C-alpha atoms as a PDB file:
ATOM      1  CA  UNK A   1       0.000   0.000   0.000  1.00  0.00           C
ATOM      2  CA  UNK A   2       1.411   3.380  -1.003  1.00  0.00           C
ATOM      3  CA  UNK A   3       0.913   6.217   1.450  1.00  0.00           C
ATOM      4  CA  UNK A   4       1.083   9.860   0.538  1.00  0.00           C
ATOM      5  CA  UNK A   5       3.926  11.935   1.928  1.00  0.00           C
ATOM      6  CA  UNK A   6       2.848  15.102   3.691  1.00  0.00           C
ATOM      7  CA  UNK A   7       5.528  17.684   4.420  1.00  0.00           C
ATOM      8  CA  UNK A   8       3.489  18.846   7.424  1.00  0.00           C
ATOM      9  CA  UNK A   9       3.653  15.351   8.897  1.00  0.00           C
ATOM     10  CA  UNK A  10       7.385  15.233   8.238  1.00  0.00           C
ATOM     11  CA  UNK A  11       7.827  18.595   9.954  1.00  0.00           C
ATOM     12  CA  UNK A  12       5.764  17.482  12.947  1.00  0.00           C
ATOM     13  CA  UNK A  13       7.761  14.263  13.246  1.00  0.00           C
ATOM     14  CA  UNK A  14      11.080  16.122  13.026  1.00  0.00           C
ATOM     15  CA  UNK A  15      10.000  18.629  15.658  1.00  0.00           C
ATOM     16  CA  UNK A  16       8.906  15.806  17.964  1.00  0.00           C
ATOM     17  CA  UNK A  17      12.307  14.156  17.494  1.00  0.00           C
ATOM     18  CA  UNK A  18      14.041  17.424  18.257  1.00  0.00           C
ATOM     19  CA  UNK A  19      11.974  17.896  21.408  1.00  0.00           C
ATOM     20  CA  UNK A  20      12.837  14.359  22.542  1.00  0.00           C
ATOM     21  CA  UNK A  21      16.551  15.010  21.944  1.00  0.00           C
ATOM     22  CA  UNK A  22      16.397  18.256  23.910  1.00  0.00           C
ATOM     23  CA  UNK A  23      14.793  16.425  26.856  1.00  0.00           C
ATOM     24  CA  UNK A  24      17.540  13.799  26.614  1.00  0.00           C
ATOM     25  CA  UNK A  25      20.206  16.503  26.690  1.00  0.00           C
ATOM     26  CA  UNK A  26      18.505  18.275  29.581  1.00  0.00           C
ATOM     27  CA  UNK A  27      18.396  15.109  31.687  1.00  0.00           C
ATOM     28  CA  UNK A  28      22.066  14.368  31.030  1.00  0.00           C
ATOM     29  CA  UNK A  29      23.077  17.974  31.732  1.00  0.00           C
ATOM     30  CA  UNK A  30      21.193  17.936  35.041  1.00  0.00           C
ATOM     31  CA  UNK A  31      22.990  14.743  36.044  1.00  0.00           C
ATOM     32  CA  UNK A  32      26.358  16.319  35.213  1.00  0.00           C
ATOM     33  CA  UNK A  33      25.387  19.447  37.162  1.00  0.00           C
ATOM     34  CA  UNK A  34      24.728  17.225  40.186  1.00  0.00           C
ATOM     35  CA  UNK A  35      28.268  15.878  39.890  1.00  0.00           C
ATOM     36  CA  UNK A  36      27.332  12.628  38.155  1.00  0.00           C
ATOM     37  CA  UNK A  37      30.062  12.874  35.546  1.00  0.00           C
ATOM     38  CA  UNK A  38      30.119   9.420  34.019  1.00  0.00           C
ATOM     39  CA  UNK A  39      30.545   8.049  30.527  1.00  0.00           C
ATOM     40  CA  UNK A  40      26.769   7.508  30.315  1.00  0.00           C
ATOM     41  CA  UNK A  41      26.031  11.242  30.633  1.00  0.00           C
ATOM     42  CA  UNK A  42      28.706  12.171  28.091  1.00  0.00           C
ATOM     43  CA  UNK A  43      27.314   9.619  25.637  1.00  0.00           C
ATOM     44  CA  UNK A  44      23.750  10.867  26.228  1.00  0.00           C
ATOM     45  CA  UNK A  45      24.817  14.456  25.547  1.00  0.00           C
ATOM     46  CA  UNK A  46      26.602  13.447  22.344  1.00  0.00           C
ATOM     47  CA  UNK A  47      23.621  11.391  21.171  1.00  0.00           C
ATOM     48  CA  UNK A  48      21.272  14.273  21.901  1.00  0.00           C
ATOM     49  CA  UNK A  49      23.519  16.629  19.926  1.00  0.00           C
ATOM     50  CA  UNK A  50      23.539  14.279  16.945  1.00  0.00           C
ATOM     51  CA  UNK A  51      19.773  13.792  17.159  1.00  0.00           C
ATOM     52  CA  UNK A  52      19.160  17.548  17.130  1.00  0.00           C
ATOM     53  CA  UNK A  53      21.460  17.916  14.119  1.00  0.00           C
ATOM     54  CA  UNK A  54      19.654  15.108  12.304  1.00  0.00           C
ATOM     55  CA  UNK A  55      16.204  16.501  13.097  1.00  0.00           C
ATOM     56  CA  UNK A  56      17.322  19.946  11.953  1.00  0.00           C
ATOM     57  CA  UNK A  57      18.148  18.423   8.569  1.00  0.00           C
ATOM     58  CA  UNK A  58      14.734  16.732   8.545  1.00  0.00           C
ATOM     59  CA  UNK A  59      13.021  20.080   9.216  1.00  0.00           C
ATOM     60  CA  UNK A  60      15.000  21.661   6.379  1.00  0.00           C
ATOM     61  CA  UNK A  61      14.031  18.823   4.018  1.00  0.00           C
ATOM     62  CA  UNK A  62      10.353  19.156   4.970  1.00  0.00           C
ATOM     63  CA  UNK A  63      10.481  22.895   4.341  1.00  0.00           C
ATOM     64  CA  UNK A  64      12.134  22.362   0.957  1.00  0.00           C
ATOM     65  CA  UNK A  65       9.525  19.764   0.033  1.00  0.00           C
ATOM     66  CA  UNK A  66       6.741  22.145   1.025  1.00  0.00           C
ATOM     67  CA  UNK A  67       8.296  24.877  -1.086  1.00  0.00           C
ATOM     68  CA  UNK A  68       8.629  22.530  -4.063  1.00  0.00           C
ATOM     69  CA  UNK A  69       4.945  21.611  -3.752  1.00  0.00           C
ATOM     70  CA  UNK A  70       4.000  25.287  -3.696  1.00  0.00           C
ATOM     71  CA  UNK A  71       6.198  25.919  -6.751  1.00  0.00           C
ATOM     72  CA  UNK A  72       4.518  23.073  -8.637  1.00  0.00           C
ATOM     73  CA  UNK A  73       1.052  24.377  -7.752  1.00  0.00           C
ATOM     74  CA  UNK A  74       1.915  27.963  -8.716  1.00  0.00           C
END
């Protein structure tokens, strides 16, 4: 079954992923602030950073797709 691709859905999904990554980073940063400096927190911060970067690219792609749709319809 083929499903349609909606740039709004892609944007929503990317923003949800970004929000999740920010919560992940916040939790790790709070642990570090409490003095819990362990490899786990460093890894969590790095993963959160990479997730935000990836979701930023997804937002950009969704915006470009939306613009291309508008250009086609114009």
